[in-house]
Amino acid sequence: MLRRSLFKLLIASACIAAAPLSFALDAGKDYNLLQPAQPGGTNGQIEVIEFFSYGCPHCAAFDPKLTKWRAAQGKDVVFKRVPVSFGRPEWAALGRLYLTLNAMGLSDKYDSKVFDGVHKEYLKLNDEKVRNDWLTKEGIDVKKFNDTWRSFGIETAARRADQMAETYRVQGVPMLVIDGKYVPSDSGVKGEEAGHSRVLVNSEQLVAKARAEKPKK
């Protein structure tokens, strides 16, 4: 887990993933209940939210597994990403980068490239000049991107993301929330890769549980 007060001490250790629930899962071990619960998916849909940051190395490590997991979900599962900053200007800028790409319909295509740029190429994409050079290299319209970045819509989305992180009591990332109620964890598994796999196994059961709890039409 990456906590605000311990960020510098824990940057090399695992960021959080919180906790799961389901038919065979144990509360407090495999998952936690979000308190208070938040609105989940509507019209029979199951909402899965990932709180994350492009700046978090553990979010970068989690992303390939999460991408495969997302692709295997049913049509009733709606996935959303919410960037968090924990008050760090660098992470706030990276969060705005995500929100801008998402508003342009480019986030799914470029998420992994941003993670690679930050964590493998060590690019400071929170810096405008570095970011513009990267955008040009990737063939993204720099003017359109920057116009979107500075728009009222992105400013509103950034404030909304910060508010959601507070409302959902996000203490570390990556953190998944299933249908506004269930926060899957790694059940104490040792090792980041194994922990990420366990989170997604538990998430699968939580999605099934949330589906079973939906009112029958």
C-alpha atoms as a PDB file:
ATOM      1  CA  MET A   1       0.000   0.000   0.000  1.00  0.00           C
ATOM      2  CA  LEU A   2       1.116   3.507  -0.691  1.00  0.00           C
ATOM      3  CA  ARG A   3       0.030   5.764   2.144  1.00  0.00           C
ATOM      4  CA  ARG A   4       0.206   9.537   2.189  1.00  0.00           C
ATOM      5  CA  SER A   5       2.348   9.836   5.282  1.00  0.00           C
ATOM      6  CA  LEU A   6       4.606   6.952   4.313  1.00  0.00           C
ATOM      7  CA  PHE A   7       4.933   7.615   0.602  1.00  0.00           C
ATOM      8  CA  LYS A   8       8.691   8.102   0.493  1.00  0.00           C
ATOM      9  CA  LEU A   9       9.337   5.174   2.809  1.00  0.00           C
ATOM     10  CA  LEU A  10       7.068   2.809   0.946  1.00  0.00           C
ATOM     11  CA  ILE A  11       7.655   3.789  -2.671  1.00  0.00           C
ATOM     12  CA  ALA A  12       9.642   0.590  -3.187  1.00  0.00           C
ATOM     13  CA  SER A  13       7.088  -1.617  -1.441  1.00  0.00           C
ATOM     14  CA  ALA A  14       3.618  -2.698  -2.478  1.00  0.00           C
ATOM     15  CA  CYS A  15       0.845  -0.188  -2.987  1.00  0.00           C
ATOM     16  CA  ILE A  16      -2.438  -1.164  -1.462  1.00  0.00           C
ATOM     17  CA  ALA A  17      -5.164  -3.302  -2.845  1.00  0.00           C
ATOM     18  CA  ALA A  18      -7.873  -3.443  -0.277  1.00  0.00           C
ATOM     19  CA  ALA A  19     -10.235  -6.415   0.255  1.00  0.00           C
ATOM     20  CA  PRO A  20     -12.792  -8.873  -1.331  1.00  0.00           C
ATOM     21  CA  LEU A  21     -16.049 -10.624  -0.626  1.00  0.00           C
ATOM     22  CA  SER A  22     -17.974 -13.427  -2.233  1.00  0.00           C
ATOM     23  CA  PHE A  23     -19.479 -16.817  -1.717  1.00  0.00           C
ATOM     24  CA  ALA A  24     -16.235 -18.405  -0.471  1.00  0.00           C
ATOM     25  CA  LEU A  25     -14.465 -15.267   0.747  1.00  0.00           C
ATOM     26  CA  ASP A  26     -13.909 -14.127   4.312  1.00  0.00           C
ATOM     27  CA  ALA A  27     -14.762 -10.590   5.372  1.00  0.00           C
ATOM     28  CA  GLY A  28     -11.786  -8.765   6.798  1.00  0.00           C
ATOM     29  CA  LYS A  29      -9.368 -11.130   5.121  1.00  0.00           C
ATOM     30  CA  ASP A  30     -10.314 -11.535   1.483  1.00  0.00           C
ATOM     31  CA  TYR A  31     -12.321  -8.315   1.262  1.00  0.00           C
ATOM     32  CA  ASN A  32     -13.532  -5.297   3.174  1.00  0.00           C
ATOM     33  CA  LEU A  33     -16.920  -3.678   2.974  1.00  0.00           C
ATOM     34  CA  LEU A  34     -16.730  -0.054   1.876  1.00  0.00           C
ATOM     35  CA  GLN A  35     -18.176   2.115   4.615  1.00  0.00           C
ATOM     36  CA  PRO A  36     -20.379   3.841   3.777  1.00  0.00           C
ATOM     37  CA  ALA A  37     -21.350   1.976   0.624  1.00  0.00           C
ATOM     38  CA  GLN A  38     -21.525   4.051  -2.551  1.00  0.00           C
ATOM     39  CA  PRO A  39     -23.862   3.814  -5.544  1.00  0.00           C
ATOM     40  CA  GLY A  40     -22.862   0.944  -7.811  1.00  0.00           C
ATOM     41  CA  GLY A  41     -23.804   0.254 -11.380  1.00  0.00           C
ATOM     42  CA  THR A  42     -27.235   1.168 -12.693  1.00  0.00           C
ATOM     43  CA  ASN A  43     -29.662  -0.692 -14.956  1.00  0.00           C
ATOM     44  CA  GLY A  44     -28.364  -4.044 -13.784  1.00  0.00           C
ATOM     45  CA  GLN A  45     -24.734  -3.171 -14.496  1.00  0.00           C
ATOM     46  CA  ILE A  46     -21.869  -3.946 -12.108  1.00  0.00           C
ATOM     47  CA  GLU A  47     -19.444  -1.074 -11.662  1.00  0.00           C
ATOM     48  CA  VAL A  48     -15.771  -1.809 -11.067  1.00  0.00           C
ATOM     49  CA  ILE A  49     -13.621   1.190 -10.124  1.00  0.00           C
ATOM     50  CA  GLU A  50      -9.854   1.203 -10.003  1.00  0.00           C
ATOM     51  CA  PHE A  51      -8.255   4.001  -7.999  1.00  0.00           C
ATOM     52  CA  PHE A  52      -4.738   4.363  -9.385  1.00  0.00           C
ATOM     53  CA  SER A  53      -1.915   6.651 -10.448  1.00  0.00           C
ATOM     54  CA  TYR A  54       0.374   6.512 -13.441  1.00  0.00           C
ATOM     55  CA  GLY A  55       3.061   7.453 -10.907  1.00  0.00           C
ATOM     56  CA  CYS A  56       2.581   4.310  -8.792  1.00  0.00           C
ATOM     57  CA  PRO A  57       4.975   1.472  -9.734  1.00  0.00           C
ATOM     58  CA  HIS A  58       2.576  -1.092  -8.283  1.00  0.00           C
ATOM     59  CA  CYS A  59      -0.263   0.213 -10.449  1.00  0.00           C
ATOM     60  CA  ALA A  60       2.090  -0.194 -13.418  1.00  0.00           C
ATOM     61  CA  ALA A  61       2.831  -3.797 -12.427  1.00  0.00           C
ATOM     62  CA  PHE A  62      -0.887  -4.495 -11.892  1.00  0.00           C
ATOM     63  CA  ASP A  63      -2.014  -2.996 -15.201  1.00  0.00           C
ATOM     64  CA  PRO A  64      -1.257  -5.923 -17.588  1.00  0.00           C
ATOM     65  CA  LYS A  65      -3.108  -8.421 -15.377  1.00  0.00           C
ATOM     66  CA  LEU A  66      -5.996  -6.009 -14.867  1.00  0.00           C
ATOM     67  CA  THR A  67      -6.254  -5.377 -18.607  1.00  0.00           C
ATOM     68  CA  LYS A  68      -6.635  -9.111 -19.285  1.00  0.00           C
ATOM     69  CA  TRP A  69      -9.141  -9.448 -16.453  1.00  0.00           C
ATOM     70  CA  ARG A  70     -11.225  -6.569 -17.814  1.00  0.00           C
ATOM     71  CA  ALA A  71     -11.342  -8.155 -21.264  1.00  0.00           C
ATOM     72  CA  ALA A  72     -12.774 -11.365 -19.796  1.00  0.00           C
ATOM     73  CA  GLN A  73     -15.679  -9.690 -17.988  1.00  0.00           C
ATOM     74  CA  GLY A  74     -19.295  -9.864 -19.051  1.00  0.00           C
ATOM     75  CA  LYS A  75     -21.082  -7.060 -20.841  1.00  0.00           C
ATOM     76  CA  ASP A  76     -22.809  -6.105 -17.609  1.00  0.00           C
ATOM     77  CA  VAL A  77     -19.494  -5.100 -15.998  1.00  0.00           C
ATOM     78  CA  VAL A  78     -18.624  -1.412 -16.385  1.00  0.00           C
ATOM     79  CA  PHE A  79     -15.016  -0.480 -15.617  1.00  0.00           C
ATOM     80  CA  LYS A  80     -13.899   2.987 -14.539  1.00  0.00           C
ATOM     81  CA  ARG A  81     -10.540   4.405 -13.547  1.00  0.00           C
ATOM     82  CA  VAL A  82     -10.141   7.231 -11.065  1.00  0.00           C
ATOM     83  CA  PRO A  83      -6.709   8.858 -10.703  1.00  0.00           C
ATOM     84  CA  VAL A  84      -5.528   9.856  -7.235  1.00  0.00           C
ATOM     85  CA  SER A  85      -2.842  12.335  -6.222  1.00  0.00           C
ATOM     86  CA  PHE A  86      -2.626  12.141  -2.403  1.00  0.00           C
ATOM     87  CA  GLY A  87      -1.803  15.850  -2.601  1.00  0.00           C
ATOM     88  CA  ARG A  88       1.346  15.294  -4.700  1.00  0.00           C
ATOM     89  CA  PRO A  89       1.645  17.798  -7.588  1.00  0.00           C
ATOM     90  CA  GLU A  90       3.426  15.231  -9.796  1.00  0.00           C
ATOM     91  CA  TRP A  91       0.618  12.711  -9.349  1.00  0.00           C
ATOM     92  CA  ALA A  92      -2.010  15.417  -9.834  1.00  0.00           C
ATOM     93  CA  ALA A  93      -0.477  16.227 -13.241  1.00  0.00           C
ATOM     94  CA  LEU A  94      -0.361  12.530 -14.168  1.00  0.00           C
ATOM     95  CA  GLY A  95      -3.989  12.221 -13.096  1.00  0.00           C
ATOM     96  CA  ARG A  96      -4.881  15.088 -15.392  1.00  0.00           C
ATOM     97  CA  LEU A  97      -2.951  13.320 -18.155  1.00  0.00           C
ATOM     98  CA  TYR A  98      -5.203  10.283 -17.705  1.00  0.00           C
ATOM     99  CA  LEU A  99      -8.374  12.382 -17.591  1.00  0.00           C
ATOM    100  CA  THR A 100      -7.387  14.219 -20.772  1.00  0.00           C
ATOM    101  CA  LEU A 101      -6.558  11.032 -22.665  1.00  0.00           C
ATOM    102  CA  ASN A 102      -9.815   9.501 -21.434  1.00  0.00           C
ATOM    103  CA  ALA A 103     -11.837  12.514 -22.569  1.00  0.00           C
ATOM    104  CA  MET A 104     -10.232  12.159 -26.001  1.00  0.00           C
ATOM    105  CA  GLY A 105     -11.105   8.462 -26.118  1.00  0.00           C
ATOM    106  CA  LEU A 106      -7.434   7.473 -26.006  1.00  0.00           C
ATOM    107  CA  SER A 107      -6.861   6.154 -22.500  1.00  0.00           C
ATOM    108  CA  ASP A 108      -7.342   2.453 -23.242  1.00  0.00           C
ATOM    109  CA  LYS A 109      -4.893   2.715 -26.145  1.00  0.00           C
ATOM    110  CA  TYR A 110      -2.230   4.670 -24.279  1.00  0.00           C
ATOM    111  CA  ASP A 111      -2.474   3.622 -20.607  1.00  0.00           C
ATOM    112  CA  SER A 112       0.254   1.002 -20.920  1.00  0.00           C
ATOM    113  CA  LYS A 113       2.437   3.388 -22.924  1.00  0.00           C
ATOM    114  CA  VAL A 114       2.152   6.030 -20.217  1.00  0.00           C
ATOM    115  CA  PHE A 115       3.085   3.500 -17.551  1.00  0.00           C
ATOM    116  CA  ASP A 116       6.088   2.441 -19.630  1.00  0.00           C
ATOM    117  CA  GLY A 117       7.085   6.041 -20.227  1.00  0.00           C
ATOM    118  CA  VAL A 118       7.038   6.845 -16.522  1.00  0.00           C
ATOM    119  CA  HIS A 119       8.483   3.628 -15.096  1.00  0.00           C
ATOM    120  CA  LYS A 120      10.706   2.229 -17.862  1.00  0.00           C
ATOM    121  CA  GLU A 121      11.828   5.317 -19.758  1.00  0.00           C
ATOM    122  CA  TYR A 122      11.742   7.521 -16.651  1.00  0.00           C
ATOM    123  CA  LEU A 123       9.975  10.337 -18.472  1.00  0.00           C
ATOM    124  CA  LYS A 124       8.676  13.192 -16.347  1.00  0.00           C
ATOM    125  CA  LEU A 125       5.297  13.341 -18.039  1.00  0.00           C
ATOM    126  CA  ASN A 126       4.094  15.757 -15.379  1.00  0.00           C
ATOM    127  CA  ASP A 127       6.322  18.330 -17.141  1.00  0.00           C
ATOM    128  CA  GLU A 128       4.578  20.064 -20.045  1.00  0.00           C
ATOM    129  CA  LYS A 129       7.549  20.134 -22.428  1.00  0.00           C
ATOM    130  CA  VAL A 130       8.421  16.483 -21.812  1.00  0.00           C
ATOM    131  CA  ARG A 131       4.751  15.576 -22.142  1.00  0.00           C
ATOM    132  CA  ASN A 132       4.369  17.498 -25.424  1.00  0.00           C
ATOM    133  CA  ASP A 133       7.433  15.752 -26.855  1.00  0.00           C
ATOM    134  CA  TRP A 134       5.960  12.392 -25.835  1.00  0.00           C
ATOM    135  CA  LEU A 135       2.570  13.266 -27.345  1.00  0.00           C
ATOM    136  CA  THR A 136       4.241  14.202 -30.626  1.00  0.00           C
ATOM    137  CA  LYS A 137       6.213  10.953 -30.652  1.00  0.00           C
ATOM    138  CA  GLU A 138       3.010   8.978 -30.074  1.00  0.00           C
ATOM    139  CA  GLY A 139       1.166  10.793 -32.858  1.00  0.00           C
ATOM    140  CA  ILE A 140      -1.340  12.532 -30.573  1.00  0.00           C
ATOM    141  CA  ASP A 141      -2.583  15.983 -31.597  1.00  0.00           C
ATOM    142  CA  VAL A 142      -0.710  18.206 -29.130  1.00  0.00           C
ATOM    143  CA  LYS A 143      -2.931  21.261 -29.595  1.00  0.00           C
ATOM    144  CA  LYS A 144      -6.113  19.276 -29.144  1.00  0.00           C
ATOM    145  CA  PHE A 145      -4.632  17.555 -26.109  1.00  0.00           C
ATOM    146  CA  ASN A 146      -3.598  20.823 -24.451  1.00  0.00           C
ATOM    147  CA  ASP A 147      -6.893  22.511 -25.241  1.00  0.00           C
ATOM    148  CA  THR A 148      -8.661  19.570 -23.608  1.00  0.00           C
ATOM    149  CA  TRP A 149      -6.199  19.576 -20.660  1.00  0.00           C
ATOM    150  CA  ARG A 150      -7.048  23.245 -19.936  1.00  0.00           C
ATOM    151  CA  SER A 151     -10.797  22.831 -20.390  1.00  0.00           C
ATOM    152  CA  PHE A 152     -13.420  23.358 -17.721  1.00  0.00           C
ATOM    153  CA  GLY A 153     -14.499  19.751 -18.182  1.00  0.00           C
ATOM    154  CA  ILE A 154     -11.083  18.384 -17.202  1.00  0.00           C
ATOM    155  CA  GLU A 155     -10.827  20.803 -14.275  1.00  0.00           C
ATOM    156  CA  THR A 156     -14.192  19.541 -13.053  1.00  0.00           C
ATOM    157  CA  ALA A 157     -13.185  15.907 -13.594  1.00  0.00           C
ATOM    158  CA  ALA A 158      -9.957  16.421 -11.614  1.00  0.00           C
ATOM    159  CA  ARG A 159     -11.865  17.883  -8.675  1.00  0.00           C
ATOM    160  CA  ARG A 160     -14.371  15.046  -8.889  1.00  0.00           C
ATOM    161  CA  ALA A 161     -11.565  12.466  -8.801  1.00  0.00           C
ATOM    162  CA  ASP A 162     -10.124  14.042  -5.642  1.00  0.00           C
ATOM    163  CA  GLN A 163     -13.575  14.056  -4.055  1.00  0.00           C
ATOM    164  CA  MET A 164     -14.119  10.393  -4.930  1.00  0.00           C
ATOM    165  CA  ALA A 165     -10.789   9.414  -3.388  1.00  0.00           C
ATOM    166  CA  GLU A 166     -11.932  11.061  -0.161  1.00  0.00           C
ATOM    167  CA  THR A 167     -15.439   9.587  -0.295  1.00  0.00           C
ATOM    168  CA  TYR A 168     -14.139   6.079  -0.972  1.00  0.00           C
ATOM    169  CA  ARG A 169     -11.478   6.517   1.737  1.00  0.00           C
ATOM    170  CA  VAL A 170      -8.636   5.588  -0.551  1.00  0.00           C
ATOM    171  CA  GLN A 171      -5.464   5.132   1.489  1.00  0.00           C
ATOM    172  CA  GLY A 172      -3.345   3.461  -1.175  1.00  0.00           C
ATOM    173  CA  VAL A 173      -3.312   2.286  -4.757  1.00  0.00           C
ATOM    174  CA  PRO A 174      -4.072   0.229  -6.740  1.00  0.00           C
ATOM    175  CA  MET A 175      -7.451  -0.218  -5.098  1.00  0.00           C
ATOM    176  CA  LEU A 176     -10.489  -1.848  -6.687  1.00  0.00           C
ATOM    177  CA  VAL A 177     -14.077  -1.273  -5.600  1.00  0.00           C
ATOM    178  CA  ILE A 178     -16.745  -3.681  -6.790  1.00  0.00           C
ATOM    179  CA  ASP A 179     -20.200  -2.188  -7.260  1.00  0.00           C
ATOM    180  CA  GLY A 180     -19.715   0.463  -4.588  1.00  0.00           C
ATOM    181  CA  LYS A 181     -19.482  -2.089  -1.760  1.00  0.00           C
ATOM    182  CA  TYR A 182     -16.639  -4.556  -1.930  1.00  0.00           C
ATOM    183  CA  VAL A 183     -12.898  -3.874  -1.822  1.00  0.00           C
ATOM    184  CA  PRO A 184     -10.866  -6.976  -2.746  1.00  0.00           C
ATOM    185  CA  SER A 185      -7.505  -7.691  -1.107  1.00  0.00           C
ATOM    186  CA  ASP A 186      -4.632 -10.076  -1.606  1.00  0.00           C
ATOM    187  CA  SER A 187      -5.520 -12.167   1.462  1.00  0.00           C
ATOM    188  CA  GLY A 188      -2.012 -11.837   2.847  1.00  0.00           C
ATOM    189  CA  VAL A 189      -0.357 -13.498  -0.146  1.00  0.00           C
ATOM    190  CA  LYS A 190       3.374 -12.837  -0.294  1.00  0.00           C
ATOM    191  CA  GLY A 191       4.854 -11.296  -3.390  1.00  0.00           C
ATOM    192  CA  GLU A 192       3.436  -8.552  -5.567  1.00  0.00           C
ATOM    193  CA  GLU A 193       2.621 -10.693  -8.606  1.00  0.00           C
ATOM    194  CA  ALA A 194       0.882 -13.354  -6.522  1.00  0.00           C
ATOM    195  CA  GLY A 195      -0.937 -10.656  -4.586  1.00  0.00           C
ATOM    196  CA  HIS A 196      -2.224  -9.027  -7.745  1.00  0.00           C
ATOM    197  CA  SER A 197      -3.423 -12.378  -9.046  1.00  0.00           C
ATOM    198  CA  ARG A 198      -5.272 -13.068  -5.789  1.00  0.00           C
ATOM    199  CA  VAL A 199      -6.940  -9.663  -5.878  1.00  0.00           C
ATOM    200  CA  LEU A 200      -8.333 -10.430  -9.312  1.00  0.00           C
ATOM    201  CA  VAL A 201      -9.470 -13.937  -8.341  1.00  0.00           C
ATOM    202  CA  ASN A 202     -11.289 -12.433  -5.383  1.00  0.00           C
ATOM    203  CA  SER A 203     -12.661  -9.675  -7.612  1.00  0.00           C
ATOM    204  CA  GLU A 204     -14.108 -12.305  -9.932  1.00  0.00           C
ATOM    205  CA  GLN A 205     -16.078 -13.781  -7.045  1.00  0.00           C
ATOM    206  CA  LEU A 206     -17.164 -10.342  -5.893  1.00  0.00           C
ATOM    207  CA  VAL A 207     -18.473  -9.518  -9.345  1.00  0.00           C
ATOM    208  CA  ALA A 208     -20.453 -12.780  -9.264  1.00  0.00           C
ATOM    209  CA  LYS A 209     -21.804 -11.900  -5.832  1.00  0.00           C
ATOM    210  CA  ALA A 210     -22.787  -8.402  -6.941  1.00  0.00           C
ATOM    211  CA  ARG A 211     -24.488  -9.881  -9.996  1.00  0.00           C
ATOM    212  CA  ALA A 212     -26.470 -12.310  -7.834  1.00  0.00           C
ATOM    213  CA  GLU A 213     -27.560  -9.423  -5.600  1.00  0.00           C
ATOM    214  CA  LYS A 214     -28.997  -7.387  -8.468  1.00  0.00           C
ATOM    215  CA  PRO A 215     -32.801  -7.279  -8.602  1.00  0.00           C
ATOM    216  CA  LYS A 216     -34.168  -9.836 -11.017  1.00  0.00           C
ATOM    217  CA  LYS A 217     -36.083  -8.393 -13.942  1.00  0.00           C
END
